[in-house]
Amino acid sequence: MSCSRRWPDWRVRWPLRQGEHPRGRGPFLRPRRALKDQEVRVALVVAACLLGEAALAKNVLDVKLDPITQLAAMWVWVAYSLLARRDRFVELATMASAVVATAAALVVYSF
């Protein structure tokens, strides 16, 4: 590799505009910006609850959950997505209720 092709690349236009890819290939989406969206944060918490519930129910508790109970956290997310309010309190309440619904389903099926 020749010296002219090392970083910083001679083909890059400096300074870059906000969200622009350094090689000019369209928008450059950073993962940190995606986490600033509250719907993405709620969806990640719900996904973690669903995966944790499935792993605990199968490997630790050795029980078979019915589909309605197994998707308890998803029902909370469906209610959140149908709700018109989008503020910090509703986001935190939805995350907490997804965790509580998951824990309640596991507690009910463990006894």
C-alpha atoms as a PDB file:
ATOM      1  CA  MET A   1       0.000   0.000   0.000  1.00  0.00           C
ATOM      2  CA  SER A   2       1.434   3.319  -1.000  1.00  0.00           C
ATOM      3  CA  CYS A   3       1.826   6.179   1.410  1.00  0.00           C
ATOM      4  CA  SER A   4      -0.834   8.265  -0.342  1.00  0.00           C
ATOM      5  CA  ARG A   5      -3.609   5.723   0.451  1.00  0.00           C
ATOM      6  CA  ARG A   6      -3.164   5.663   4.208  1.00  0.00           C
ATOM      7  CA  TRP A   7      -5.403   7.441   6.682  1.00  0.00           C
ATOM      8  CA  PRO A   8      -6.551  10.144   6.201  1.00  0.00           C
ATOM      9  CA  ASP A   9      -7.732   8.984   2.838  1.00  0.00           C
ATOM     10  CA  TRP A  10      -7.004  11.439   0.025  1.00  0.00           C
ATOM     11  CA  ARG A  11     -10.465  10.850  -1.506  1.00  0.00           C
ATOM     12  CA  VAL A  12     -12.401  12.095   1.541  1.00  0.00           C
ATOM     13  CA  ARG A  13     -13.880  15.583   1.428  1.00  0.00           C
ATOM     14  CA  TRP A  14     -13.186  17.418   4.665  1.00  0.00           C
ATOM     15  CA  PRO A  15     -14.970  18.639   6.711  1.00  0.00           C
ATOM     16  CA  LEU A  16     -17.774  16.096   6.662  1.00  0.00           C
ATOM     17  CA  ARG A  17     -21.368  17.180   6.938  1.00  0.00           C
ATOM     18  CA  GLN A  18     -23.560  15.839   9.732  1.00  0.00           C
ATOM     19  CA  GLY A  19     -24.421  12.180   9.090  1.00  0.00           C
ATOM     20  CA  GLU A  20     -22.334  11.868   5.938  1.00  0.00           C
ATOM     21  CA  HIS A  21     -20.281   8.739   5.260  1.00  0.00           C
ATOM     22  CA  PRO A  22     -16.533   9.463   4.925  1.00  0.00           C
ATOM     23  CA  ARG A  23     -16.337   7.763   1.521  1.00  0.00           C
ATOM     24  CA  GLY A  24     -19.424   9.468   0.089  1.00  0.00           C
ATOM     25  CA  ARG A  25     -21.637   6.366   0.118  1.00  0.00           C
ATOM     26  CA  GLY A  26     -24.788   7.988   1.462  1.00  0.00           C
ATOM     27  CA  PRO A  27     -25.949   8.500   5.034  1.00  0.00           C
ATOM     28  CA  PHE A  28     -23.725   7.304   7.850  1.00  0.00           C
ATOM     29  CA  LEU A  29     -25.929   6.036  10.669  1.00  0.00           C
ATOM     30  CA  ARG A  30     -24.252   5.660  14.022  1.00  0.00           C
ATOM     31  CA  PRO A  31     -25.665   3.118  16.515  1.00  0.00           C
ATOM     32  CA  ARG A  32     -25.538   5.632  19.367  1.00  0.00           C
ATOM     33  CA  ARG A  33     -28.073   7.819  17.596  1.00  0.00           C
ATOM     34  CA  ALA A  34     -30.470   4.910  17.316  1.00  0.00           C
ATOM     35  CA  LEU A  35     -30.427   4.474  21.102  1.00  0.00           C
ATOM     36  CA  LYS A  36     -31.619   8.051  21.550  1.00  0.00           C
ATOM     37  CA  ASP A  37     -34.966   7.070  20.062  1.00  0.00           C
ATOM     38  CA  GLN A  38     -37.294   6.089  22.890  1.00  0.00           C
ATOM     39  CA  GLU A  39     -39.178   3.498  20.852  1.00  0.00           C
ATOM     40  CA  VAL A  40     -35.916   1.663  20.172  1.00  0.00           C
ATOM     41  CA  ARG A  41     -35.027   1.664  23.874  1.00  0.00           C
ATOM     42  CA  VAL A  42     -38.432   0.256  24.825  1.00  0.00           C
ATOM     43  CA  ALA A  43     -38.192  -2.381  22.095  1.00  0.00           C
ATOM     44  CA  LEU A  44     -34.729  -3.447  23.304  1.00  0.00           C
ATOM     45  CA  VAL A  45     -35.956  -3.849  26.885  1.00  0.00           C
ATOM     46  CA  VAL A  46     -38.972  -5.858  25.719  1.00  0.00           C
ATOM     47  CA  ALA A  47     -36.746  -8.061  23.545  1.00  0.00           C
ATOM     48  CA  ALA A  48     -34.413  -8.684  26.488  1.00  0.00           C
ATOM     49  CA  CYS A  49     -37.410  -9.593  28.648  1.00  0.00           C
ATOM     50  CA  LEU A  50     -38.705 -12.039  26.053  1.00  0.00           C
ATOM     51  CA  LEU A  51     -35.324 -13.703  25.595  1.00  0.00           C
ATOM     52  CA  GLY A  52     -34.695 -13.881  29.327  1.00  0.00           C
ATOM     53  CA  GLU A  53     -38.130 -15.309  29.981  1.00  0.00           C
ATOM     54  CA  ALA A  54     -37.687 -17.975  27.320  1.00  0.00           C
ATOM     55  CA  ALA A  55     -34.250 -18.956  28.615  1.00  0.00           C
ATOM     56  CA  LEU A  56     -35.330 -19.087  32.254  1.00  0.00           C
ATOM     57  CA  ALA A  57     -38.541 -20.976  31.537  1.00  0.00           C
ATOM     58  CA  LYS A  58     -36.818 -23.619  29.459  1.00  0.00           C
ATOM     59  CA  ASN A  59     -33.467 -24.084  31.195  1.00  0.00           C
ATOM     60  CA  VAL A  60     -34.000 -23.130  34.831  1.00  0.00           C
ATOM     61  CA  LEU A  61     -37.666 -23.698  35.637  1.00  0.00           C
ATOM     62  CA  ASP A  62     -38.229 -26.467  33.063  1.00  0.00           C
ATOM     63  CA  VAL A  63     -41.814 -25.398  32.329  1.00  0.00           C
ATOM     64  CA  LYS A  64     -43.713 -24.886  29.093  1.00  0.00           C
ATOM     65  CA  LEU A  65     -45.434 -21.519  28.854  1.00  0.00           C
ATOM     66  CA  ASP A  66     -48.541 -20.966  26.783  1.00  0.00           C
ATOM     67  CA  PRO A  67     -48.203 -18.399  23.956  1.00  0.00           C
ATOM     68  CA  ILE A  68     -50.225 -15.687  25.712  1.00  0.00           C
ATOM     69  CA  THR A  69     -48.100 -15.837  28.854  1.00  0.00           C
ATOM     70  CA  GLN A  70     -44.833 -16.298  26.998  1.00  0.00           C
ATOM     71  CA  LEU A  71     -45.401 -13.032  25.131  1.00  0.00           C
ATOM     72  CA  ALA A  72     -46.461 -11.012  28.197  1.00  0.00           C
ATOM     73  CA  ALA A  73     -43.800  -8.345  27.619  1.00  0.00           C
ATOM     74  CA  MET A  74     -44.816  -8.024  23.988  1.00  0.00           C
ATOM     75  CA  TRP A  75     -48.418  -7.279  24.997  1.00  0.00           C
ATOM     76  CA  VAL A  76     -47.079  -4.397  27.095  1.00  0.00           C
ATOM     77  CA  TRP A  77     -45.173  -3.138  24.052  1.00  0.00           C
ATOM     78  CA  VAL A  78     -48.297  -3.388  21.888  1.00  0.00           C
ATOM     79  CA  ALA A  79     -50.183  -1.273  24.410  1.00  0.00           C
ATOM     80  CA  TYR A  80     -47.300   1.242  24.383  1.00  0.00           C
ATOM     81  CA  SER A  81     -47.260   1.446  20.600  1.00  0.00           C
ATOM     82  CA  LEU A  82     -51.016   2.082  20.506  1.00  0.00           C
ATOM     83  CA  LEU A  83     -50.753   4.791  23.155  1.00  0.00           C
ATOM     84  CA  ALA A  84     -50.512   8.325  21.807  1.00  0.00           C
ATOM     85  CA  ARG A  85     -48.311   9.774  24.574  1.00  0.00           C
ATOM     86  CA  ARG A  86     -44.575   9.698  24.027  1.00  0.00           C
ATOM     87  CA  ASP A  87     -42.821  11.199  27.029  1.00  0.00           C
ATOM     88  CA  ARG A  88     -40.142   9.986  29.426  1.00  0.00           C
ATOM     89  CA  PHE A  89     -42.589   8.856  32.127  1.00  0.00           C
ATOM     90  CA  VAL A  90     -44.555   6.620  29.738  1.00  0.00           C
ATOM     91  CA  GLU A  91     -41.306   5.168  28.400  1.00  0.00           C
ATOM     92  CA  LEU A  92     -40.029   4.273  31.871  1.00  0.00           C
ATOM     93  CA  ALA A  93     -43.429   2.966  32.956  1.00  0.00           C
ATOM     94  CA  THR A  94     -43.590   0.737  29.889  1.00  0.00           C
ATOM     95  CA  MET A  95     -40.120  -0.650  30.508  1.00  0.00           C
ATOM     96  CA  ALA A  96     -40.905  -1.304  34.174  1.00  0.00           C
ATOM     97  CA  SER A  97     -44.233  -2.939  33.388  1.00  0.00           C
ATOM     98  CA  ALA A  98     -42.595  -5.200  30.786  1.00  0.00           C
ATOM     99  CA  VAL A  99     -40.087  -6.380  33.397  1.00  0.00           C
ATOM    100  CA  VAL A 100     -42.849  -6.849  36.005  1.00  0.00           C
ATOM    101  CA  ALA A 101     -45.056  -8.763  33.546  1.00  0.00           C
ATOM    102  CA  THR A 102     -42.149 -11.044  32.682  1.00  0.00           C
ATOM    103  CA  ALA A 103     -41.326 -11.643  36.343  1.00  0.00           C
ATOM    104  CA  ALA A 104     -44.985 -12.255  37.196  1.00  0.00           C
ATOM    105  CA  ALA A 105     -45.359 -14.821  34.423  1.00  0.00           C
ATOM    106  CA  LEU A 106     -42.258 -16.660  35.622  1.00  0.00           C
ATOM    107  CA  VAL A 107     -43.405 -16.577  39.259  1.00  0.00           C
ATOM    108  CA  VAL A 108     -46.875 -17.876  38.389  1.00  0.00           C
ATOM    109  CA  TYR A 109     -45.479 -20.763  36.339  1.00  0.00           C
ATOM    110  CA  SER A 110     -42.729 -21.660  38.798  1.00  0.00           C
ATOM    111  CA  PHE A 111     -45.215 -22.808  41.487  1.00  0.00           C
END
